[in-house]
């Protein structure tokens, strides 16, 4: 894949837009053997709601937000916030379209009582490339006791 000026500009803009949320030291491109280049500091995000849960709706009042980027060292750094839901028992990134339940591909830190978390986790380079190439093929899901299948969910974009 040839990196175009538009891609470079988009990556730089993503880096700048998340600078307030994450401590970003540099934006770069990493060549992943056998895969397309992984454009670091590409932001991904999702708006979470109970209406997005399938096959059954989640918490009708629940809402949240997920924002992340892939750092130069290969970590996925993210911030999640949620509101109007019971205490969270699980947080994951799943592979799957908006109308299906998919397998968990990344376990994320469970939100505390303030319903917010900022953290980083290591992910496989091939998974990072897949997420960057097609974020809408993945979703974030927060689970709790009243909604063990998912209280709120959102497709990545």
N, C-alpha and C. Protein backbone atom coordinates (compact mmCIF):
# COMPACT_ATOMS: atom_id res chain seq x y z
N UNK A 1 0.85 -1.17 0.00
CA UNK A 1 0.00 0.00 0.00
C UNK A 1 0.89 1.23 0.00
N UNK A 2 0.58 2.18 -0.85
CA UNK A 2 1.34 3.42 -0.92
C UNK A 2 0.66 4.44 -0.04
N UNK A 3 1.44 5.07 0.80
CA UNK A 3 0.90 6.08 1.69
C UNK A 3 0.73 7.37 0.91
N UNK A 4 -0.48 7.86 0.85
CA UNK A 4 -0.77 9.09 0.12
C UNK A 4 -0.70 10.28 1.06
N UNK A 5 -0.59 11.51 0.51
CA UNK A 5 -0.61 12.69 1.37
C UNK A 5 -1.89 12.78 2.19
N UNK A 6 -3.01 12.32 1.62
CA UNK A 6 -4.27 12.36 2.36
C UNK A 6 -4.18 11.46 3.58
N UNK A 7 -3.61 10.25 3.42
CA UNK A 7 -3.47 9.35 4.55
C UNK A 7 -2.56 9.94 5.60
N UNK A 8 -1.45 10.51 5.18
CA UNK A 8 -0.51 11.09 6.12
C UNK A 8 -1.17 12.25 6.86
N UNK A 9 -1.90 13.08 6.15
CA UNK A 9 -2.58 14.21 6.77
C UNK A 9 -3.63 13.72 7.75
N UNK A 10 -4.38 12.68 7.35
CA UNK A 10 -5.42 12.14 8.22
C UNK A 10 -4.79 11.58 9.50
N UNK A 11 -3.67 10.87 9.39
CA UNK A 11 -3.00 10.31 10.56
C UNK A 11 -2.50 11.43 11.46
N UNK A 12 -1.92 12.48 10.87
CA UNK A 12 -1.44 13.60 11.66
C UNK A 12 -2.60 14.32 12.35
N UNK A 13 -3.72 14.47 11.64
CA UNK A 13 -4.89 15.11 12.24
C UNK A 13 -5.44 14.27 13.37
N UNK A 14 -5.45 12.95 13.20
CA UNK A 14 -5.91 12.06 14.27
C UNK A 14 -5.02 12.21 15.48
N UNK A 15 -3.72 12.27 15.26
CA UNK A 15 -2.78 12.43 16.35
C UNK A 15 -3.07 13.73 17.10
N UNK A 16 -3.25 14.80 16.36
CA UNK A 16 -3.51 16.09 16.99
C UNK A 16 -4.84 16.10 17.74
N UNK A 17 -5.86 15.44 17.19
CA UNK A 17 -7.17 15.48 17.82
C UNK A 17 -7.22 14.70 19.11
N UNK A 18 -6.36 13.72 19.30
CA UNK A 18 -6.37 12.93 20.53
C UNK A 18 -5.30 13.37 21.51
N UNK A 19 -4.51 14.37 21.15
CA UNK A 19 -3.42 14.79 22.02
C UNK A 19 -3.91 15.20 23.40
N UNK A 20 -5.11 15.76 23.48
CA UNK A 20 -5.65 16.15 24.77
C UNK A 20 -6.12 14.97 25.59
N UNK A 21 -6.45 13.86 24.96
CA UNK A 21 -6.96 12.70 25.67
C UNK A 21 -5.83 11.76 26.07
N UNK A 22 -4.83 11.61 25.25
CA UNK A 22 -3.73 10.70 25.52
C UNK A 22 -2.42 11.46 25.44
N UNK A 23 -1.44 10.98 26.17
CA UNK A 23 -0.10 11.56 26.07
C UNK A 23 0.55 10.94 24.84
N UNK A 24 0.57 11.68 23.76
CA UNK A 24 1.09 11.17 22.50
C UNK A 24 2.47 11.76 22.28
N UNK A 25 3.44 10.87 22.16
CA UNK A 25 4.80 11.36 21.98
C UNK A 25 5.15 11.55 20.51
N UNK A 26 4.58 10.71 19.63
CA UNK A 26 4.89 10.83 18.21
C UNK A 26 3.85 10.07 17.41
N UNK A 27 3.69 10.47 16.18
CA UNK A 27 2.83 9.74 15.25
C UNK A 27 3.75 9.14 14.20
N UNK A 28 3.48 7.88 13.86
CA UNK A 28 4.38 7.20 12.93
C UNK A 28 3.62 6.13 12.18
N UNK A 29 4.31 5.55 11.22
CA UNK A 29 3.79 4.40 10.49
C UNK A 29 4.69 3.23 10.78
N UNK A 30 4.11 2.08 11.10
CA UNK A 30 4.87 0.88 11.33
C UNK A 30 4.53 -0.11 10.24
N UNK A 31 5.54 -0.70 9.62
CA UNK A 31 5.30 -1.74 8.62
C UNK A 31 5.11 -3.05 9.36
N UNK A 32 3.97 -3.69 9.15
CA UNK A 32 3.67 -4.97 9.77
C UNK A 32 3.92 -6.03 8.72
N UNK A 33 4.87 -6.94 8.95
CA UNK A 33 5.19 -7.94 7.93
C UNK A 33 3.95 -8.69 7.46
N UNK A 34 3.79 -8.76 6.14
CA UNK A 34 2.67 -9.51 5.56
C UNK A 34 1.36 -8.76 5.54
N UNK A 35 1.29 -7.63 6.19
CA UNK A 35 0.05 -6.85 6.25
C UNK A 35 0.27 -5.47 5.64
N UNK A 36 -0.81 -4.78 5.44
CA UNK A 36 -0.72 -3.39 4.99
C UNK A 36 -0.07 -2.57 6.10
N UNK A 37 0.50 -1.42 5.77
CA UNK A 37 1.08 -0.58 6.82
C UNK A 37 0.03 -0.22 7.86
N UNK A 38 0.47 -0.16 9.09
CA UNK A 38 -0.40 0.19 10.19
C UNK A 38 -0.17 1.67 10.50
N UNK A 39 -1.18 2.49 10.27
CA UNK A 39 -1.05 3.92 10.49
C UNK A 39 -1.37 4.21 11.94
N UNK A 40 -0.34 4.49 12.71
CA UNK A 40 -0.51 4.73 14.12
C UNK A 40 -1.13 6.09 14.35
N UNK A 41 -1.74 6.22 15.50
CA UNK A 41 -2.46 7.42 15.90
C UNK A 41 -3.71 7.60 15.04
N UNK A 42 -4.17 6.52 14.42
CA UNK A 42 -5.46 6.54 13.75
C UNK A 42 -6.51 6.38 14.84
N UNK A 43 -7.36 7.36 15.00
CA UNK A 43 -8.34 7.28 16.07
C UNK A 43 -9.50 6.40 15.64
N UNK A 44 -10.01 5.67 16.61
CA UNK A 44 -11.24 4.90 16.43
C UNK A 44 -12.13 5.28 17.59
N UNK A 45 -13.42 5.24 17.35
CA UNK A 45 -14.35 5.62 18.40
C UNK A 45 -15.67 4.91 18.20
N UNK A 46 -16.50 4.96 19.23
CA UNK A 46 -17.84 4.39 19.15
C UNK A 46 -18.74 5.10 20.14
N UNK A 47 -19.95 5.35 19.71
CA UNK A 47 -21.01 5.84 20.59
C UNK A 47 -21.77 4.62 21.07
N UNK A 48 -21.91 4.45 22.38
CA UNK A 48 -22.49 3.25 22.95
C UNK A 48 -23.92 3.52 23.43
N UNK A 49 -24.82 2.58 23.15
CA UNK A 49 -26.18 2.69 23.67
C UNK A 49 -26.79 1.30 23.79
N UNK A 50 -27.82 1.19 24.62
CA UNK A 50 -28.53 -0.06 24.78
C UNK A 50 -29.30 -0.45 23.53
N UNK A 51 -29.69 0.53 22.75
CA UNK A 51 -30.44 0.25 21.51
C UNK A 51 -29.59 -0.47 20.47
N UNK A 52 -28.27 -0.41 20.62
CA UNK A 52 -27.38 -1.07 19.66
C UNK A 52 -27.17 -2.55 19.96
N UNK A 53 -27.63 -3.02 21.10
CA UNK A 53 -27.43 -4.43 21.47
C UNK A 53 -28.31 -5.33 20.61
N UNK A 54 -27.78 -6.50 20.25
CA UNK A 54 -28.53 -7.51 19.50
C UNK A 54 -28.24 -8.89 20.10
N UNK A 55 -29.10 -9.85 20.05
CA UNK A 55 -30.43 -9.81 19.46
C UNK A 55 -31.46 -9.12 20.36
N UNK A 56 -31.15 -9.01 21.68
CA UNK A 56 -32.06 -8.31 22.59
C UNK A 56 -31.49 -6.93 22.90
N UNK A 57 -32.37 -5.97 23.10
CA UNK A 57 -31.92 -4.63 23.44
C UNK A 57 -31.26 -4.63 24.80
N UNK A 58 -30.32 -3.74 24.98
CA UNK A 58 -29.65 -3.57 26.26
C UNK A 58 -30.39 -2.57 27.12
N UNK A 59 -29.67 -1.91 28.01
CA UNK A 59 -30.24 -0.94 28.93
C UNK A 59 -30.79 0.24 28.13
N UNK A 60 -32.11 0.51 28.24
CA UNK A 60 -32.71 1.57 27.42
C UNK A 60 -32.21 2.97 27.76
N UNK A 61 -31.69 3.16 29.00
CA UNK A 61 -31.19 4.47 29.41
C UNK A 61 -29.67 4.59 29.25
N UNK A 62 -29.02 3.46 28.99
CA UNK A 62 -27.57 3.44 28.97
C UNK A 62 -26.98 4.17 27.79
N UNK A 63 -25.83 4.80 28.05
CA UNK A 63 -25.10 5.48 27.00
C UNK A 63 -23.63 5.53 27.38
N UNK A 64 -22.79 5.70 26.37
CA UNK A 64 -21.37 5.78 26.65
C UNK A 64 -20.58 6.15 25.42
N UNK A 65 -19.27 6.24 25.61
CA UNK A 65 -18.38 6.63 24.53
C UNK A 65 -17.06 5.88 24.69
N UNK A 66 -16.51 5.47 23.56
CA UNK A 66 -15.21 4.80 23.50
C UNK A 66 -14.37 5.56 22.49
N UNK A 67 -13.15 5.93 22.88
CA UNK A 67 -12.20 6.61 21.99
C UNK A 67 -10.86 5.91 22.17
N UNK A 68 -10.18 5.62 21.06
CA UNK A 68 -8.90 4.92 21.17
C UNK A 68 -7.98 5.27 20.02
N UNK A 69 -6.72 4.90 20.19
CA UNK A 69 -5.73 4.99 19.12
C UNK A 69 -4.69 3.91 19.36
N UNK A 70 -3.96 3.59 18.31
CA UNK A 70 -2.90 2.60 18.41
C UNK A 70 -1.58 3.37 18.50
N UNK A 71 -0.86 3.13 19.56
CA UNK A 71 0.38 3.84 19.82
C UNK A 71 1.55 3.21 19.08
N UNK A 72 2.66 3.93 19.02
CA UNK A 72 3.84 3.49 18.28
C UNK A 72 4.37 2.15 18.78
N UNK A 73 4.21 1.88 20.08
CA UNK A 73 4.73 0.63 20.63
C UNK A 73 3.76 -0.54 20.45
N UNK A 74 2.66 -0.33 19.71
CA UNK A 74 1.72 -1.40 19.42
C UNK A 74 0.60 -1.52 20.41
N UNK A 75 0.54 -0.65 21.40
CA UNK A 75 -0.54 -0.71 22.38
C UNK A 75 -1.78 0.00 21.86
N UNK A 76 -2.92 -0.50 22.26
CA UNK A 76 -4.20 0.17 22.04
C UNK A 76 -4.46 0.98 23.29
N UNK A 77 -4.47 2.30 23.17
CA UNK A 77 -4.75 3.17 24.31
C UNK A 77 -6.14 3.74 24.12
N UNK A 78 -6.93 3.71 25.19
CA UNK A 78 -8.35 4.02 25.05
C UNK A 78 -8.90 4.70 26.30
N UNK A 79 -10.04 5.34 26.10
CA UNK A 79 -10.83 5.92 27.18
C UNK A 79 -12.27 5.49 26.95
N UNK A 80 -12.92 5.06 28.02
CA UNK A 80 -14.33 4.66 27.96
C UNK A 80 -15.07 5.38 29.07
N UNK A 81 -16.25 5.84 28.75
CA UNK A 81 -17.13 6.39 29.77
C UNK A 81 -18.53 5.83 29.53
N UNK A 82 -19.29 5.69 30.61
CA UNK A 82 -20.65 5.18 30.51
C UNK A 82 -21.51 5.91 31.53
N UNK A 83 -22.81 5.92 31.28
CA UNK A 83 -23.75 6.55 32.20
C UNK A 83 -25.07 5.79 32.16
N UNK A 84 -25.79 5.87 33.26
CA UNK A 84 -27.14 5.32 33.38
C UNK A 84 -27.20 3.81 33.22
N UNK A 85 -26.14 3.12 33.66
CA UNK A 85 -26.16 1.65 33.66
C UNK A 85 -25.67 1.15 35.02
N UNK A 86 -26.02 -0.10 35.33
CA UNK A 86 -25.55 -0.74 36.55
C UNK A 86 -24.05 -0.97 36.47
N UNK A 87 -23.39 -1.26 37.59
CA UNK A 87 -21.94 -1.49 37.57
C UNK A 87 -21.53 -2.51 36.50
N UNK A 88 -20.42 -2.19 35.85
CA UNK A 88 -19.95 -2.96 34.71
C UNK A 88 -19.18 -4.20 35.18
N UNK A 89 -19.46 -5.35 34.54
CA UNK A 89 -18.78 -6.60 34.88
C UNK A 89 -17.83 -7.07 33.78
N UNK A 90 -17.91 -6.48 32.59
CA UNK A 90 -17.04 -6.86 31.49
C UNK A 90 -17.05 -5.82 30.40
N UNK A 91 -15.89 -5.62 29.78
CA UNK A 91 -15.75 -4.67 28.67
C UNK A 91 -14.86 -5.34 27.62
N UNK A 92 -15.33 -5.35 26.37
CA UNK A 92 -14.59 -6.04 25.32
C UNK A 92 -14.73 -5.32 23.98
N UNK A 93 -13.77 -5.61 23.11
CA UNK A 93 -13.94 -5.34 21.68
C UNK A 93 -14.24 -6.70 21.06
N UNK A 94 -15.31 -6.75 20.30
CA UNK A 94 -15.74 -7.97 19.61
C UNK A 94 -15.57 -7.76 18.11
N UNK A 95 -15.39 -8.84 17.39
CA UNK A 95 -15.42 -8.79 15.94
C UNK A 95 -16.85 -9.11 15.51
N UNK A 96 -17.44 -8.25 14.69
CA UNK A 96 -18.78 -8.51 14.20
C UNK A 96 -19.45 -7.26 13.68
N UNK A 97 -20.32 -7.46 12.71
CA UNK A 97 -21.11 -6.37 12.15
C UNK A 97 -22.16 -5.92 13.17
N UNK A 98 -22.84 -4.83 12.87
CA UNK A 98 -23.78 -4.24 13.82
C UNK A 98 -24.98 -5.13 14.14
N UNK A 99 -25.26 -6.10 13.30
CA UNK A 99 -26.45 -6.93 13.52
C UNK A 99 -26.12 -8.34 14.03
N UNK A 100 -24.87 -8.56 14.45
CA UNK A 100 -24.47 -9.89 14.96
C UNK A 100 -23.68 -9.76 16.24
N UNK A 101 -23.68 -10.86 17.01
CA UNK A 101 -22.80 -10.96 18.17
C UNK A 101 -21.55 -11.71 17.73
N UNK A 102 -20.41 -11.13 17.97
CA UNK A 102 -19.16 -11.76 17.53
C UNK A 102 -18.29 -12.16 18.70
N UNK A 103 -17.20 -12.78 18.38
CA UNK A 103 -16.24 -13.23 19.39
C UNK A 103 -15.46 -12.06 19.97
N UNK A 104 -15.09 -12.18 21.24
CA UNK A 104 -14.24 -11.20 21.89
C UNK A 104 -12.85 -11.28 21.28
N UNK A 105 -12.30 -10.12 20.88
CA UNK A 105 -10.94 -10.09 20.34
C UNK A 105 -9.98 -9.30 21.25
N UNK A 106 -10.53 -8.44 22.11
CA UNK A 106 -9.70 -7.68 23.05
C UNK A 106 -10.49 -7.53 24.35
N UNK A 107 -9.89 -7.94 25.47
CA UNK A 107 -10.45 -7.66 26.79
C UNK A 107 -9.98 -6.29 27.22
N UNK A 108 -10.90 -5.47 27.72
CA UNK A 108 -10.56 -4.13 28.18
C UNK A 108 -10.80 -4.05 29.69
N UNK A 109 -10.26 -3.03 30.31
CA UNK A 109 -10.38 -2.83 31.75
C UNK A 109 -11.83 -2.50 32.11
N UNK A 110 -12.32 -3.08 33.19
CA UNK A 110 -13.68 -2.82 33.66
C UNK A 110 -13.74 -1.43 34.27
N UNK A 111 -14.79 -0.70 33.95
CA UNK A 111 -14.99 0.64 34.48
C UNK A 111 -15.24 0.58 35.98
N UNK A 112 -14.70 1.54 36.70
CA UNK A 112 -14.90 1.62 38.14
C UNK A 112 -16.21 2.34 38.47
N UNK A 113 -16.40 2.67 39.74
CA UNK A 113 -17.64 3.31 40.18
C UNK A 113 -17.91 4.66 39.50
N UNK A 114 -16.85 5.34 39.04
CA UNK A 114 -17.06 6.63 38.36
C UNK A 114 -17.46 6.43 36.90
N UNK A 115 -17.55 5.16 36.46
CA UNK A 115 -17.97 4.79 35.10
C UNK A 115 -17.07 5.37 34.02
N UNK A 116 -15.77 5.50 34.34
CA UNK A 116 -14.79 5.95 33.36
C UNK A 116 -13.52 5.14 33.55
N UNK A 117 -12.78 4.97 32.45
CA UNK A 117 -11.47 4.33 32.53
C UNK A 117 -10.62 4.83 31.37
N UNK A 118 -9.34 5.01 31.64
CA UNK A 118 -8.34 5.27 30.61
C UNK A 118 -7.25 4.23 30.82
N UNK A 119 -6.89 3.53 29.77
CA UNK A 119 -5.90 2.46 29.91
C UNK A 119 -5.28 2.15 28.55
N UNK A 120 -4.27 1.30 28.58
CA UNK A 120 -3.65 0.79 27.36
C UNK A 120 -3.52 -0.71 27.50
N UNK A 121 -3.58 -1.40 26.37
CA UNK A 121 -3.39 -2.84 26.34
C UNK A 121 -2.67 -3.22 25.06
N UNK A 122 -1.90 -4.27 25.12
CA UNK A 122 -1.20 -4.77 23.93
C UNK A 122 -2.17 -5.56 23.07
N UNK A 123 -2.08 -5.37 21.75
CA UNK A 123 -2.86 -6.19 20.83
C UNK A 123 -1.93 -6.68 19.74
N UNK A 124 -2.32 -7.78 19.12
CA UNK A 124 -1.52 -8.35 18.04
C UNK A 124 -1.47 -7.38 16.86
N UNK A 125 -0.31 -7.25 16.21
CA UNK A 125 -0.21 -6.35 15.05
C UNK A 125 -1.22 -6.66 13.95
N UNK A 126 -1.49 -7.94 13.71
CA UNK A 126 -2.45 -8.28 12.65
C UNK A 126 -3.86 -7.83 13.02
N UNK A 127 -4.22 -7.93 14.30
CA UNK A 127 -5.54 -7.45 14.74
C UNK A 127 -5.60 -5.93 14.63
N UNK A 128 -4.54 -5.25 15.04
CA UNK A 128 -4.50 -3.79 14.92
C UNK A 128 -4.69 -3.38 13.47
N UNK A 129 -4.04 -4.07 12.54
CA UNK A 129 -4.19 -3.76 11.12
C UNK A 129 -5.62 -3.98 10.65
N UNK A 130 -6.26 -5.05 11.12
CA UNK A 130 -7.66 -5.32 10.74
C UNK A 130 -8.59 -4.23 11.25
N UNK A 131 -8.39 -3.82 12.49
CA UNK A 131 -9.24 -2.77 13.07
C UNK A 131 -9.07 -1.46 12.32
N UNK A 132 -7.81 -1.09 12.03
CA UNK A 132 -7.56 0.15 11.30
C UNK A 132 -8.14 0.08 9.89
N UNK A 133 -8.01 -1.07 9.24
CA UNK A 133 -8.49 -1.22 7.86
C UNK A 133 -10.02 -1.20 7.77
N UNK A 134 -10.71 -1.75 8.77
CA UNK A 134 -12.17 -1.83 8.72
C UNK A 134 -12.75 -1.78 10.13
N UNK A 135 -12.71 -0.60 10.76
CA UNK A 135 -13.19 -0.51 12.14
C UNK A 135 -14.65 -0.93 12.30
N UNK A 136 -15.47 -0.73 11.29
CA UNK A 136 -16.90 -1.06 11.42
C UNK A 136 -17.16 -2.56 11.51
N UNK A 137 -16.12 -3.37 11.34
CA UNK A 137 -16.26 -4.82 11.50
C UNK A 137 -16.05 -5.23 12.97
N UNK A 138 -15.93 -4.24 13.86
CA UNK A 138 -15.69 -4.48 15.28
C UNK A 138 -16.61 -3.59 16.11
N UNK A 139 -16.89 -4.03 17.32
CA UNK A 139 -17.71 -3.22 18.22
C UNK A 139 -17.23 -3.34 19.66
N UNK A 140 -17.57 -2.34 20.46
CA UNK A 140 -17.28 -2.33 21.90
C UNK A 140 -18.57 -2.66 22.62
N UNK A 141 -18.45 -3.49 23.65
CA UNK A 141 -19.62 -3.95 24.39
C UNK A 141 -19.32 -3.90 25.88
N UNK A 142 -20.20 -3.28 26.66
CA UNK A 142 -20.09 -3.26 28.11
C UNK A 142 -21.19 -4.15 28.68
N UNK A 143 -20.82 -5.05 29.57
CA UNK A 143 -21.75 -6.00 30.17
C UNK A 143 -21.95 -5.64 31.64
N UNK A 144 -23.11 -6.00 32.18
CA UNK A 144 -23.34 -5.88 33.62
C UNK A 144 -24.32 -6.97 34.05
N UNK A 145 -24.62 -7.01 35.34
CA UNK A 145 -25.47 -8.08 35.84
C UNK A 145 -26.88 -8.07 35.25
N UNK A 146 -27.55 -6.91 35.16
CA UNK A 146 -28.89 -6.93 34.56
C UNK A 146 -28.88 -7.28 33.07
N UNK A 147 -27.78 -6.99 32.40
CA UNK A 147 -27.66 -7.24 30.95
C UNK A 147 -26.37 -8.01 30.68
N UNK A 148 -26.33 -9.31 31.00
CA UNK A 148 -25.09 -10.07 30.83
C UNK A 148 -24.66 -10.21 29.36
N UNK A 149 -25.61 -10.14 28.43
CA UNK A 149 -25.27 -10.19 27.00
C UNK A 149 -24.77 -8.86 26.49
N UNK A 150 -24.98 -7.81 27.23
CA UNK A 150 -24.52 -6.47 26.86
C UNK A 150 -25.50 -5.41 27.27
N UNK A 151 -25.01 -4.43 28.02
CA UNK A 151 -25.85 -3.30 28.45
C UNK A 151 -25.82 -2.19 27.40
N UNK A 152 -24.63 -1.88 26.90
CA UNK A 152 -24.49 -0.87 25.85
C UNK A 152 -23.41 -1.33 24.87
N UNK A 153 -23.59 -0.91 23.63
CA UNK A 153 -22.73 -1.37 22.54
C UNK A 153 -22.60 -0.28 21.50
N UNK A 154 -21.48 -0.28 20.78
CA UNK A 154 -21.30 0.64 19.67
C UNK A 154 -20.29 0.12 18.67
N UNK A 155 -20.60 0.27 17.38
CA UNK A 155 -19.66 -0.11 16.31
C UNK A 155 -18.53 0.88 16.26
N UNK A 156 -17.34 0.38 16.01
CA UNK A 156 -16.20 1.27 15.86
C UNK A 156 -16.31 2.02 14.53
N UNK A 157 -15.74 3.20 14.53
CA UNK A 157 -15.66 3.99 13.30
C UNK A 157 -14.38 4.79 13.35
